[in-house]
């Protein structure tokens, strides 16, 4: 019984090693021939969407985080008057300086 368990362990270990070597060989061939994972899986190539395509509509004056107004509202604007966060509104000089000062305060 112990001998059988020992042989099964050795067999499982040899199988894992063989699988690992096969995976390494596959990855090397993919790199050699420039094959992408999408091509390997038969998927259509993904076209990346540039972040600049959607205009920024809202900006958090405290953190500088932005939101396009699409999708779920971020925490910093949820439940608040969105007009106060419009990105086209010029930030007041004192408010902008205060928020930058809080972000870059000296830590002693």
PDB file of N, CA and C in Angstrom:
ATOM      1  N   UNK A   1       0.827  -1.193   0.000  1.00  0.00           N
ATOM      2  CA  UNK A   1       0.000   0.000   0.000  1.00  0.00           C
ATOM      3  C   UNK A   1       0.874   1.262   0.000  1.00  0.00           C
ATOM      4  N   UNK A   2       1.886   1.308   0.850  1.00  0.00           N
ATOM      5  CA  UNK A   2       2.791   2.454   0.926  1.00  0.00           C
ATOM      6  C   UNK A   2       3.579   2.592  -0.376  1.00  0.00           C
ATOM      7  N   UNK A   3       3.924   1.447  -0.947  1.00  0.00           N
ATOM      8  CA  UNK A   3       4.673   1.473  -2.204  1.00  0.00           C
ATOM      9  C   UNK A   3       3.801   2.051  -3.327  1.00  0.00           C
ATOM     10  N   UNK A   4       2.539   1.699  -3.325  1.00  0.00           N
ATOM     11  CA  UNK A   4       1.613   2.201  -4.344  1.00  0.00           C
ATOM     12  C   UNK A   4       1.449   3.722  -4.221  1.00  0.00           C
ATOM     13  N   UNK A   5       1.283   4.208  -2.999  1.00  0.00           N
ATOM     14  CA  UNK A   5       1.158   5.643  -2.764  1.00  0.00           C
ATOM     15  C   UNK A   5       2.424   6.371  -3.203  1.00  0.00           C
ATOM     16  N   UNK A   6       3.571   5.775  -2.924  1.00  0.00           N
ATOM     17  CA  UNK A   6       4.849   6.359  -3.321  1.00  0.00           C
ATOM     18  C   UNK A   6       4.950   6.446  -4.845  1.00  0.00           C
ATOM     19  N   UNK A   7       4.543   5.389  -5.529  1.00  0.00           N
ATOM     20  CA  UNK A   7       4.572   5.376  -6.985  1.00  0.00           C
ATOM     21  C   UNK A   7       3.589   6.397  -7.565  1.00  0.00           C
ATOM     22  N   UNK A   8       2.415   6.543  -6.959  1.00  0.00           N
ATOM     23  CA  UNK A   8       1.429   7.522  -7.429  1.00  0.00           C
ATOM     24  C   UNK A   8       1.956   8.948  -7.248  1.00  0.00           C
ATOM     25  N   UNK A   9       2.653   9.197  -6.140  1.00  0.00           N
ATOM     26  CA  UNK A   9       3.250  10.509  -5.911  1.00  0.00           C
ATOM     27  C   UNK A   9       4.307  10.808  -6.969  1.00  0.00           C
ATOM     28  N   UNK A  10       5.160   9.820  -7.236  1.00  0.00           N
ATOM     29  CA  UNK A  10       6.207   9.995  -8.243  1.00  0.00           C
ATOM     30  C   UNK A  10       5.599  10.235  -9.618  1.00  0.00           C
ATOM     31  N   UNK A  11       4.551   9.491  -9.929  1.00  0.00           N
ATOM     32  CA  UNK A  11       3.876   9.649 -11.213  1.00  0.00           C
ATOM     33  C   UNK A  11       3.251  11.043 -11.328  1.00  0.00           C
ATOM     34  N   UNK A  12       2.602  11.512 -10.290  1.00  0.00           N
ATOM     35  CA  UNK A  12       1.985  12.838 -10.296  1.00  0.00           C
ATOM     36  C   UNK A  12       3.046  13.928 -10.442  1.00  0.00           C
ATOM     37  N   UNK A  13       4.169  13.761  -9.754  1.00  0.00           N
ATOM     38  CA  UNK A  13       5.266  14.737  -9.839  1.00  0.00           C
ATOM     39  C   UNK A  13       5.856  14.754 -11.237  1.00  0.00           C
ATOM     40  N   UNK A  14       6.037  13.578 -11.829  1.00  0.00           N
ATOM     41  CA  UNK A  14       6.573  13.506 -13.194  1.00  0.00           C
ATOM     42  C   UNK A  14       5.604  14.155 -14.180  1.00  0.00           C
ATOM     43  N   UNK A  15       4.328  13.961 -13.962  1.00  0.00           N
ATOM     44  CA  UNK A  15       3.301  14.565 -14.835  1.00  0.00           C
ATOM     45  C   UNK A  15       3.336  16.099 -14.731  1.00  0.00           C
ATOM     46  N   UNK A  16       3.438  16.627 -13.501  1.00  0.00           N
ATOM     47  CA  UNK A  16       3.505  18.083 -13.302  1.00  0.00           C
ATOM     48  C   UNK A  16       4.741  18.659 -13.980  1.00  0.00           C
ATOM     49  N   UNK A  17       5.857  17.958 -13.870  1.00  0.00           N
ATOM     50  CA  UNK A  17       7.095  18.424 -14.493  1.00  0.00           C
ATOM     51  C   UNK A  17       6.950  18.431 -16.011  1.00  0.00           C
ATOM     52  N   UNK A  18       6.354  17.393 -16.567  1.00  0.00           N
ATOM     53  CA  UNK A  18       6.146  17.289 -18.001  1.00  0.00           C
ATOM     54  C   UNK A  18       5.205  18.398 -18.487  1.00  0.00           C
ATOM     55  N   UNK A  19       4.140  18.679 -17.728  1.00  0.00           N
ATOM     56  CA  UNK A  19       3.207  19.749 -18.083  1.00  0.00           C
ATOM     57  C   UNK A  19       3.912  21.101 -18.072  1.00  0.00           C
ATOM     58  N   UNK A  20       4.746  21.309 -17.076  1.00  0.00           N
ATOM     59  CA  UNK A  20       5.475  22.580 -16.957  1.00  0.00           C
ATOM     60  C   UNK A  20       6.419  22.776 -18.151  1.00  0.00           C
ATOM     61  N   UNK A  21       7.137  21.722 -18.522  1.00  0.00           N
ATOM     62  CA  UNK A  21       8.038  21.799 -19.675  1.00  0.00           C
ATOM     63  C   UNK A  21       7.266  22.061 -20.965  1.00  0.00           C
ATOM     64  N   UNK A  22       6.102  21.421 -21.119  1.00  0.00           N
ATOM     65  CA  UNK A  22       5.274  21.636 -22.301  1.00  0.00           C
ATOM     66  C   UNK A  22       4.786  23.079 -22.354  1.00  0.00           C
ATOM     67  N   UNK A  23       4.394  23.626 -21.213  1.00  0.00           N
ATOM     68  CA  UNK A  23       3.928  25.010 -21.151  1.00  0.00           C
ATOM     69  C   UNK A  23       5.050  25.982 -21.515  1.00  0.00           C
ATOM     70  N   UNK A  24       6.229  25.728 -21.017  1.00  0.00           N
ATOM     71  CA  UNK A  24       7.385  26.570 -21.348  1.00  0.00           C
ATOM     72  C   UNK A  24       7.657  26.525 -22.850  1.00  0.00           C
ATOM     73  N   UNK A  25       7.578  25.343 -23.428  1.00  0.00           N
ATOM     74  CA  UNK A  25       7.806  25.198 -24.865  1.00  0.00           C
ATOM     75  C   UNK A  25       6.741  25.946 -25.668  1.00  0.00           C
ATOM     76  N   UNK A  26       5.489  25.880 -25.235  1.00  0.00           N
ATOM     77  CA  UNK A  26       4.402  26.584 -25.927  1.00  0.00           C
ATOM     78  C   UNK A  26       4.628  28.089 -25.884  1.00  0.00           C
ATOM     79  N   UNK A  27       4.986  28.591 -24.708  1.00  0.00           N
ATOM     80  CA  UNK A  27       5.222  30.033 -24.556  1.00  0.00           C
ATOM     81  C   UNK A  27       6.395  30.476 -25.430  1.00  0.00           C
ATOM     82  N   UNK A  28       7.452  29.684 -25.473  1.00  0.00           N
ATOM     83  CA  UNK A  28       8.600  30.016 -26.326  1.00  0.00           C
ATOM     84  C   UNK A  28       8.190  30.071 -27.797  1.00  0.00           C
ATOM     85  N   UNK A  29       7.380  29.126 -28.250  1.00  0.00           N
ATOM     86  CA  UNK A  29       6.923  29.115 -29.646  1.00  0.00           C
ATOM     87  C   UNK A  29       6.018  30.320 -29.931  1.00  0.00           C
ATOM     88  N   UNK A  30       5.158  30.664 -28.982  1.00  0.00           N
ATOM     89  CA  UNK A  30       4.283  31.825 -29.157  1.00  0.00           C
ATOM     90  C   UNK A  30       5.122  33.093 -29.320  1.00  0.00           C
ATOM     91  N   UNK A  31       6.163  33.224 -28.511  1.00  0.00           N
ATOM     92  CA  UNK A  31       7.038  34.395 -28.610  1.00  0.00           C
ATOM     93  C   UNK A  31       7.811  34.389 -29.931  1.00  0.00           C
ATOM     94  N   UNK A  32       8.293  33.220 -30.317  1.00  0.00           N
ATOM     95  CA  UNK A  32       9.077  33.095 -31.547  1.00  0.00           C
ATOM     96  C   UNK A  32       8.262  33.503 -32.770  1.00  0.00           C
ATOM     97  N   UNK A  33       6.994  33.108 -32.814  1.00  0.00           N
ATOM     98  CA  UNK A  33       6.152  33.384 -33.965  1.00  0.00           C
ATOM     99  C   UNK A  33       5.224  34.586 -33.766  1.00  0.00           C
ATOM    100  N   UNK A  34       5.308  35.246 -32.619  1.00  0.00           N
ATOM    101  CA  UNK A  34       4.486  36.426 -32.368  1.00  0.00           C
ATOM    102  C   UNK A  34       3.006  36.118 -32.231  1.00  0.00           C
ATOM    103  N   UNK A  35       2.684  34.976 -31.692  1.00  0.00           N
ATOM    104  CA  UNK A  35       1.283  34.577 -31.516  1.00  0.00           C
ATOM    105  C   UNK A  35       0.777  35.149 -30.194  1.00  0.00           C
ATOM    106  N   UNK A  36      -0.379  35.815 -30.259  1.00  0.00           N
ATOM    107  CA  UNK A  36      -0.965  36.365 -29.038  1.00  0.00           C
ATOM    108  C   UNK A  36      -1.885  35.338 -28.391  1.00  0.00           C
ATOM    109  N   UNK A  37      -2.216  35.594 -27.137  1.00  0.00           N
ATOM    110  CA  UNK A  37      -3.118  34.700 -26.416  1.00  0.00           C
ATOM    111  C   UNK A  37      -4.498  34.700 -27.073  1.00  0.00           C
ATOM    112  N   UNK A  38      -4.940  35.855 -27.556  1.00  0.00           N
ATOM    113  CA  UNK A  38      -6.233  35.930 -28.237  1.00  0.00           C
ATOM    114  C   UNK A  38      -6.244  35.072 -29.500  1.00  0.00           C
ATOM    115  N   UNK A  39      -5.153  35.096 -30.247  1.00  0.00           N
ATOM    116  CA  UNK A  39      -5.068  34.262 -31.447  1.00  0.00           C
ATOM    117  C   UNK A  39      -5.089  32.787 -31.074  1.00  0.00           C
ATOM    118  N   UNK A  40      -4.385  32.441 -30.027  1.00  0.00           N
ATOM    119  CA  UNK A  40      -4.318  31.053 -29.588  1.00  0.00           C
ATOM    120  C   UNK A  40      -5.697  30.538 -29.175  1.00  0.00           C
ATOM    121  N   UNK A  41      -6.483  31.391 -28.541  1.00  0.00           N
ATOM    122  CA  UNK A  41      -7.803  30.997 -28.070  1.00  0.00           C
ATOM    123  C   UNK A  41      -8.882  31.185 -29.125  1.00  0.00           C
ATOM    124  N   UNK A  42      -8.491  31.735 -30.302  1.00  0.00           N
ATOM    125  CA  UNK A  42      -9.448  31.918 -31.374  1.00  0.00           C
ATOM    126  C   UNK A  42     -10.345  33.123 -31.185  1.00  0.00           C
ATOM    127  N   UNK A  43      -9.936  34.059 -30.350  1.00  0.00           N
ATOM    128  CA  UNK A  43     -10.725  35.275 -30.126  1.00  0.00           C
ATOM    129  C   UNK A  43     -10.344  36.333 -31.159  1.00  0.00           C
ATOM    130  N   UNK A  44     -11.258  37.279 -31.333  1.00  0.00           N
ATOM    131  CA  UNK A  44     -10.953  38.418 -32.191  1.00  0.00           C
ATOM    132  C   UNK A  44      -9.975  39.314 -31.444  1.00  0.00           C
ATOM    133  N   UNK A  45      -9.056  39.935 -32.160  1.00  0.00           N
ATOM    134  CA  UNK A  45      -8.113  40.826 -31.477  1.00  0.00           C
ATOM    135  C   UNK A  45      -8.857  42.001 -30.859  1.00  0.00           C
ATOM    136  N   UNK A  46      -8.455  42.341 -29.635  1.00  0.00           N
ATOM    137  CA  UNK A  46      -9.081  43.451 -28.929  1.00  0.00           C
ATOM    138  C   UNK A  46      -8.515  44.762 -29.441  1.00  0.00           C
ATOM    139  N   UNK A  47      -9.374  45.712 -29.637  1.00  0.00           N
ATOM    140  CA  UNK A  47      -8.924  47.040 -30.027  1.00  0.00           C
ATOM    141  C   UNK A  47      -8.965  47.920 -28.787  1.00  0.00           C
ATOM    142  N   UNK A  48      -7.812  48.374 -28.349  1.00  0.00           N
ATOM    143  CA  UNK A  48      -7.794  49.186 -27.134  1.00  0.00           C
ATOM    144  C   UNK A  48      -8.483  50.525 -27.352  1.00  0.00           C
ATOM    145  N   UNK A  49      -9.271  50.924 -26.368  1.00  0.00           N
ATOM    146  CA  UNK A  49      -9.974  52.200 -26.425  1.00  0.00           C
ATOM    147  C   UNK A  49      -9.103  53.231 -25.734  1.00  0.00           C
ATOM    148  N   UNK A  50      -8.788  54.272 -26.467  1.00  0.00           N
ATOM    149  CA  UNK A  50      -7.949  55.326 -25.903  1.00  0.00           C
ATOM    150  C   UNK A  50      -8.732  56.080 -24.836  1.00  0.00           C
ATOM    151  N   UNK A  51      -8.073  56.377 -23.743  1.00  0.00           N
ATOM    152  CA  UNK A  51      -8.726  57.067 -22.642  1.00  0.00           C
ATOM    153  C   UNK A  51      -9.119  58.481 -23.033  1.00  0.00           C
ATOM    154  N   UNK A  52      -8.458  59.054 -24.018  1.00  0.00           N
ATOM    155  CA  UNK A  52      -8.732  60.423 -24.409  1.00  0.00           C
ATOM    156  C   UNK A  52     -10.004  60.550 -25.244  1.00  0.00           C
ATOM    157  N   UNK A  53     -10.617  59.445 -25.666  1.00  0.00           N
ATOM    158  CA  UNK A  53     -11.813  59.509 -26.487  1.00  0.00           C
ATOM    159  C   UNK A  53     -13.008  60.048 -25.722  1.00  0.00           C
ATOM    160  N   UNK A  54     -13.073  59.819 -24.425  1.00  0.00           N
ATOM    161  CA  UNK A  54     -14.181  60.289 -23.603  1.00  0.00           C
ATOM    162  C   UNK A  54     -13.711  61.523 -22.852  1.00  0.00           C
ATOM    163  N   UNK A  55     -14.428  62.600 -23.044  1.00  0.00           N
ATOM    164  CA  UNK A  55     -14.034  63.862 -22.419  1.00  0.00           C
ATOM    165  C   UNK A  55     -14.287  63.828 -20.910  1.00  0.00           C
ATOM    166  N   UNK A  56     -13.425  64.480 -20.189  1.00  0.00           N
ATOM    167  CA  UNK A  56     -13.567  64.583 -18.737  1.00  0.00           C
ATOM    168  C   UNK A  56     -14.639  65.633 -18.457  1.00  0.00           C
ATOM    169  N   UNK A  57     -15.608  65.252 -17.646  1.00  0.00           N
ATOM    170  CA  UNK A  57     -16.691  66.163 -17.347  1.00  0.00           C
ATOM    171  C   UNK A  57     -16.614  66.699 -15.916  1.00  0.00           C
ATOM    172  N   UNK A  58     -16.164  65.860 -14.983  1.00  0.00           N
ATOM    173  CA  UNK A  58     -16.096  66.250 -13.577  1.00  0.00           C
ATOM    174  C   UNK A  58     -14.691  66.031 -13.033  1.00  0.00           C
ATOM    175  N   UNK A  59     -14.277  66.884 -12.095  1.00  0.00           N
ATOM    176  CA  UNK A  59     -12.966  66.771 -11.465  1.00  0.00           C
ATOM    177  C   UNK A  59     -13.114  67.021  -9.968  1.00  0.00           C
ATOM    178  N   UNK A  60     -12.477  66.170  -9.167  1.00  0.00           N
ATOM    179  CA  UNK A  60     -12.463  66.351  -7.715  1.00  0.00           C
ATOM    180  C   UNK A  60     -11.348  67.333  -7.387  1.00  0.00           C
ATOM    181  N   UNK A  61     -11.676  68.508  -6.824  1.00  0.00           N
ATOM    182  CA  UNK A  61     -10.630  69.493  -6.544  1.00  0.00           C
ATOM    183  C   UNK A  61      -9.649  69.037  -5.463  1.00  0.00           C
ATOM    184  N   UNK A  62     -10.073  68.150  -4.591  1.00  0.00           N
ATOM    185  CA  UNK A  62      -9.186  67.698  -3.512  1.00  0.00           C
ATOM    186  C   UNK A  62      -8.122  66.729  -4.006  1.00  0.00           C
ATOM    187  N   UNK A  63      -8.527  65.763  -4.826  1.00  0.00           N
ATOM    188  CA  UNK A  63      -7.574  64.736  -5.255  1.00  0.00           C
ATOM    189  C   UNK A  63      -7.147  64.868  -6.706  1.00  0.00           C
ATOM    190  N   UNK A  64      -7.924  65.602  -7.498  1.00  0.00           N
ATOM    191  CA  UNK A  64      -7.619  65.713  -8.922  1.00  0.00           C
ATOM    192  C   UNK A  64      -8.206  64.571  -9.733  1.00  0.00           C
ATOM    193  N   UNK A  65      -8.923  63.650  -9.077  1.00  0.00           N
ATOM    194  CA  UNK A  65      -9.540  62.529  -9.779  1.00  0.00           C
ATOM    195  C   UNK A  65     -10.586  63.061 -10.741  1.00  0.00           C
ATOM    196  N   UNK A  66     -10.766  62.355 -11.858  1.00  0.00           N
ATOM    197  CA  UNK A  66     -11.721  62.789 -12.866  1.00  0.00           C
ATOM    198  C   UNK A  66     -12.748  61.708 -13.137  1.00  0.00           C
ATOM    199  N   UNK A  67     -13.871  62.143 -13.723  1.00  0.00           N
ATOM    200  CA  UNK A  67     -14.949  61.225 -14.097  1.00  0.00           C
ATOM    201  C   UNK A  67     -15.617  61.772 -15.333  1.00  0.00           C
ATOM    202  N   UNK A  68     -15.931  60.924 -16.287  1.00  0.00           N
ATOM    203  CA  UNK A  68     -16.533  61.343 -17.549  1.00  0.00           C
ATOM    204  C   UNK A  68     -18.030  61.562 -17.434  1.00  0.00           C
ATOM    205  N   UNK A  69     -18.632  61.114 -16.349  1.00  0.00           N
ATOM    206  CA  UNK A  69     -20.078  61.202 -16.210  1.00  0.00           C
ATOM    207  C   UNK A  69     -20.763  59.937 -16.684  1.00  0.00           C
ATOM    208  N   UNK A  70     -19.974  58.981 -17.156  1.00  0.00           N
ATOM    209  CA  UNK A  70     -20.514  57.704 -17.617  1.00  0.00           C
ATOM    210  C   UNK A  70     -20.287  56.644 -16.552  1.00  0.00           C
ATOM    211  N   UNK A  71     -21.184  55.701 -16.485  1.00  0.00           N
ATOM    212  CA  UNK A  71     -21.037  54.606 -15.531  1.00  0.00           C
ATOM    213  C   UNK A  71     -21.372  55.048 -14.117  1.00  0.00           C
ATOM    214  N   UNK A  72     -21.016  54.226 -13.178  1.00  0.00           N
ATOM    215  CA  UNK A  72     -21.310  54.491 -11.777  1.00  0.00           C
ATOM    216  C   UNK A  72     -20.500  55.682 -11.272  1.00  0.00           C
ATOM    217  N   UNK A  73     -21.153  56.534 -10.503  1.00  0.00           N
ATOM    218  CA  UNK A  73     -20.495  57.729  -9.973  1.00  0.00           C
ATOM    219  C   UNK A  73     -19.477  57.347  -8.904  1.00  0.00           C
ATOM    220  N   UNK A  74     -18.299  57.977  -8.918  1.00  0.00           N
ATOM    221  CA  UNK A  74     -17.300  57.688  -7.889  1.00  0.00           C
ATOM    222  C   UNK A  74     -17.729  58.242  -6.526  1.00  0.00           C
ATOM    223  N   UNK A  75     -17.106  57.738  -5.482  1.00  0.00           N
ATOM    224  CA  UNK A  75     -17.453  58.118  -4.107  1.00  0.00           C
ATOM    225  C   UNK A  75     -17.380  59.622  -3.876  1.00  0.00           C
ATOM    226  N   UNK A  76     -16.400  60.282  -4.456  1.00  0.00           N
ATOM    227  CA  UNK A  76     -16.199  61.695  -4.160  1.00  0.00           C
ATOM    228  C   UNK A  76     -17.289  62.596  -4.726  1.00  0.00           C
ATOM    229  N   UNK A  77     -18.149  62.072  -5.616  1.00  0.00           N
ATOM    230  CA  UNK A  77     -19.214  62.896  -6.201  1.00  0.00           C
ATOM    231  C   UNK A  77     -20.606  62.330  -5.928  1.00  0.00           C
ATOM    232  N   UNK A  78     -20.685  61.100  -5.519  1.00  0.00           N
ATOM    233  CA  UNK A  78     -21.973  60.441  -5.319  1.00  0.00           C
ATOM    234  C   UNK A  78     -22.812  61.189  -4.278  1.00  0.00           C
ATOM    235  N   UNK A  79     -24.038  61.522  -4.658  1.00  0.00           N
ATOM    236  CA  UNK A  79     -24.970  62.173  -3.749  1.00  0.00           C
ATOM    237  C   UNK A  79     -24.732  63.661  -3.541  1.00  0.00           C
ATOM    238  N   UNK A  80     -23.821  64.253  -4.308  1.00  0.00           N
ATOM    239  CA  UNK A  80     -23.503  65.676  -4.155  1.00  0.00           C
ATOM    240  C   UNK A  80     -23.932  66.437  -5.402  1.00  0.00           C
ATOM    241  N   UNK A  81     -23.930  67.761  -5.319  1.00  0.00           N
ATOM    242  CA  UNK A  81     -24.268  68.611  -6.461  1.00  0.00           C
ATOM    243  C   UNK A  81     -23.137  68.523  -7.477  1.00  0.00           C
ATOM    244  N   UNK A  82     -23.418  67.937  -8.615  1.00  0.00           N
ATOM    245  CA  UNK A  82     -22.382  67.701  -9.623  1.00  0.00           C
ATOM    246  C   UNK A  82     -21.896  68.985 -10.284  1.00  0.00           C
ATOM    247  N   UNK A  83     -22.714  70.025 -10.273  1.00  0.00           N
ATOM    248  CA  UNK A  83     -22.293  71.298 -10.871  1.00  0.00           C
ATOM    249  C   UNK A  83     -21.043  71.848 -10.189  1.00  0.00           C
ATOM    250  N   UNK A  84     -20.883  71.557  -8.917  1.00  0.00           N
ATOM    251  CA  UNK A  84     -19.716  72.043  -8.180  1.00  0.00           C
ATOM    252  C   UNK A  84     -18.430  71.350  -8.621  1.00  0.00           C
ATOM    253  N   UNK A  85     -18.562  70.224  -9.317  1.00  0.00           N
ATOM    254  CA  UNK A  85     -17.390  69.439  -9.723  1.00  0.00           C
ATOM    255  C   UNK A  85     -17.108  69.514 -11.225  1.00  0.00           C
ATOM    256  N   UNK A  86     -17.818  70.369 -11.950  1.00  0.00           N
ATOM    257  CA  UNK A  86     -17.610  70.461 -13.397  1.00  0.00           C
ATOM    258  C   UNK A  86     -16.156  70.796 -13.707  1.00  0.00           C
ATOM    259  N   UNK A  87     -15.574  70.076 -14.618  1.00  0.00           N
ATOM    260  CA  UNK A  87     -14.156  70.259 -14.951  1.00  0.00           C
ATOM    261  C   UNK A  87     -13.917  71.557 -15.693  1.00  0.00           C
ATOM    262  N   UNK A  88     -14.915  72.063 -16.381  1.00  0.00           N
ATOM    263  CA  UNK A  88     -14.740  73.300 -17.146  1.00  0.00           C
ATOM    264  C   UNK A  88     -14.718  74.531 -16.248  1.00  0.00           C
ATOM    265  N   UNK A  89     -15.198  74.379 -15.003  1.00  0.00           N
ATOM    266  CA  UNK A  89     -15.164  75.503 -14.061  1.00  0.00           C
ATOM    267  C   UNK A  89     -13.743  75.761 -13.624  1.00  0.00           C
ATOM    268  N   UNK A  90     -13.276  76.994 -13.677  1.00  0.00           N
ATOM    269  CA  UNK A  90     -11.926  77.271 -13.190  1.00  0.00           C
ATOM    270  C   UNK A  90     -11.887  77.142 -11.675  1.00  0.00           C
ATOM    271  N   UNK A  91     -10.860  76.492 -11.188  1.00  0.00           N
ATOM    272  CA  UNK A  91     -10.711  76.321  -9.738  1.00  0.00           C
ATOM    273  C   UNK A  91     -10.263  77.637  -9.127  1.00  0.00           C
ATOM    274  N   UNK A  92     -10.794  77.951  -7.965  1.00  0.00           N
ATOM    275  CA  UNK A  92     -10.364  79.186  -7.303  1.00  0.00           C
ATOM    276  C   UNK A  92      -8.928  79.014  -6.848  1.00  0.00           C
ATOM    277  N   UNK A  93      -8.145  80.058  -6.955  1.00  0.00           N
ATOM    278  CA  UNK A  93      -6.722  79.981  -6.639  1.00  0.00           C
ATOM    279  C   UNK A  93      -6.453  79.516  -5.229  1.00  0.00           C
ATOM    280  N   UNK A  94      -7.170  80.046  -4.248  1.00  0.00           N
ATOM    281  CA  UNK A  94      -6.938  79.675  -2.855  1.00  0.00           C
ATOM    282  C   UNK A  94      -7.307  78.219  -2.615  1.00  0.00           C
ATOM    283  N   UNK A  95      -8.420  77.784  -3.200  1.00  0.00           N
ATOM    284  CA  UNK A  95      -8.866  76.407  -3.017  1.00  0.00           C
ATOM    285  C   UNK A  95      -7.875  75.426  -3.645  1.00  0.00           C
ATOM    286  N   UNK A  96      -7.408  75.732  -4.844  1.00  0.00           N
ATOM    287  CA  UNK A  96      -6.455  74.854  -5.520  1.00  0.00           C
ATOM    288  C   UNK A  96      -5.145  74.784  -4.749  1.00  0.00           C
ATOM    289  N   UNK A  97      -4.675  75.955  -4.259  1.00  0.00           N
ATOM    290  CA  UNK A  97      -3.420  75.959  -3.485  1.00  0.00           C
ATOM    291  C   UNK A  97      -3.572  75.179  -2.192  1.00  0.00           C
ATOM    292  N   UNK A  98      -4.718  75.302  -1.536  1.00  0.00           N
ATOM    293  CA  UNK A  98      -4.949  74.594  -0.276  1.00  0.00           C
ATOM    294  C   UNK A  98      -4.961  73.086  -0.503  1.00  0.00           C
ATOM    295  N   UNK A  99      -5.615  72.636  -1.581  1.00  0.00           N
ATOM    296  CA  UNK A  99      -5.661  71.199  -1.816  1.00  0.00           C
ATOM    297  C   UNK A  99      -4.300  70.660  -2.216  1.00  0.00           C
ATOM    298  N   UNK A 100      -3.531  71.439  -2.975  1.00  0.00           N
ATOM    299  CA  UNK A 100      -2.187  70.995  -3.328  1.00  0.00           C
ATOM    300  C   UNK A 100      -1.299  70.971  -2.094  1.00  0.00           C
ATOM    301  N   UNK A 101      -1.455  71.930  -1.215  1.00  0.00           N
ATOM    302  CA  UNK A 101      -0.654  71.977  -0.004  1.00  0.00           C
ATOM    303  C   UNK A 101      -0.941  70.764   0.864  1.00  0.00           C
ATOM    304  N   UNK A 102      -2.219  70.354   0.926  1.00  0.00           N
ATOM    305  CA  UNK A 102      -2.564  69.180   1.742  1.00  0.00           C
ATOM    306  C   UNK A 102      -2.001  67.907   1.129  1.00  0.00           C
ATOM    307  N   UNK A 103      -1.915  67.854  -0.188  1.00  0.00           N
ATOM    308  CA  UNK A 103      -1.375  66.666  -0.854  1.00  0.00           C
ATOM    309  C   UNK A 103       0.140  66.575  -0.712  1.00  0.00           C
ATOM    310  N   UNK A 104       0.813  67.711  -0.677  1.00  0.00           N
ATOM    311  CA  UNK A 104       2.270  67.719  -0.663  1.00  0.00           C
ATOM    312  C   UNK A 104       2.813  68.311   0.630  1.00  0.00           C
ATOM    313  N   UNK A 105       2.100  68.119   1.724  1.00  0.00           N
ATOM    314  CA  UNK A 105       2.545  68.668   3.014  1.00  0.00           C
ATOM    315  C   UNK A 105       3.802  67.945   3.480  1.00  0.00           C
ATOM    316  N   UNK A 106       4.686  68.696   4.130  1.00  0.00           N
ATOM    317  CA  UNK A 106       5.907  68.102   4.683  1.00  0.00           C
ATOM    318  C   UNK A 106       5.554  67.213   5.853  1.00  0.00           C
ATOM    319  N   UNK A 107       6.091  66.020   5.850  1.00  0.00           N
ATOM    320  CA  UNK A 107       5.861  65.096   6.960  1.00  0.00           C
ATOM    321  C   UNK A 107       7.100  65.052   7.816  1.00  0.00           C
ATOM    322  N   UNK A 108       6.981  65.494   9.053  1.00  0.00           N
ATOM    323  CA  UNK A 108       8.122  65.497   9.967  1.00  0.00           C
ATOM    324  C   UNK A 108       8.072  64.350  10.917  1.00  0.00           C
TER     325      UNK A 108
END
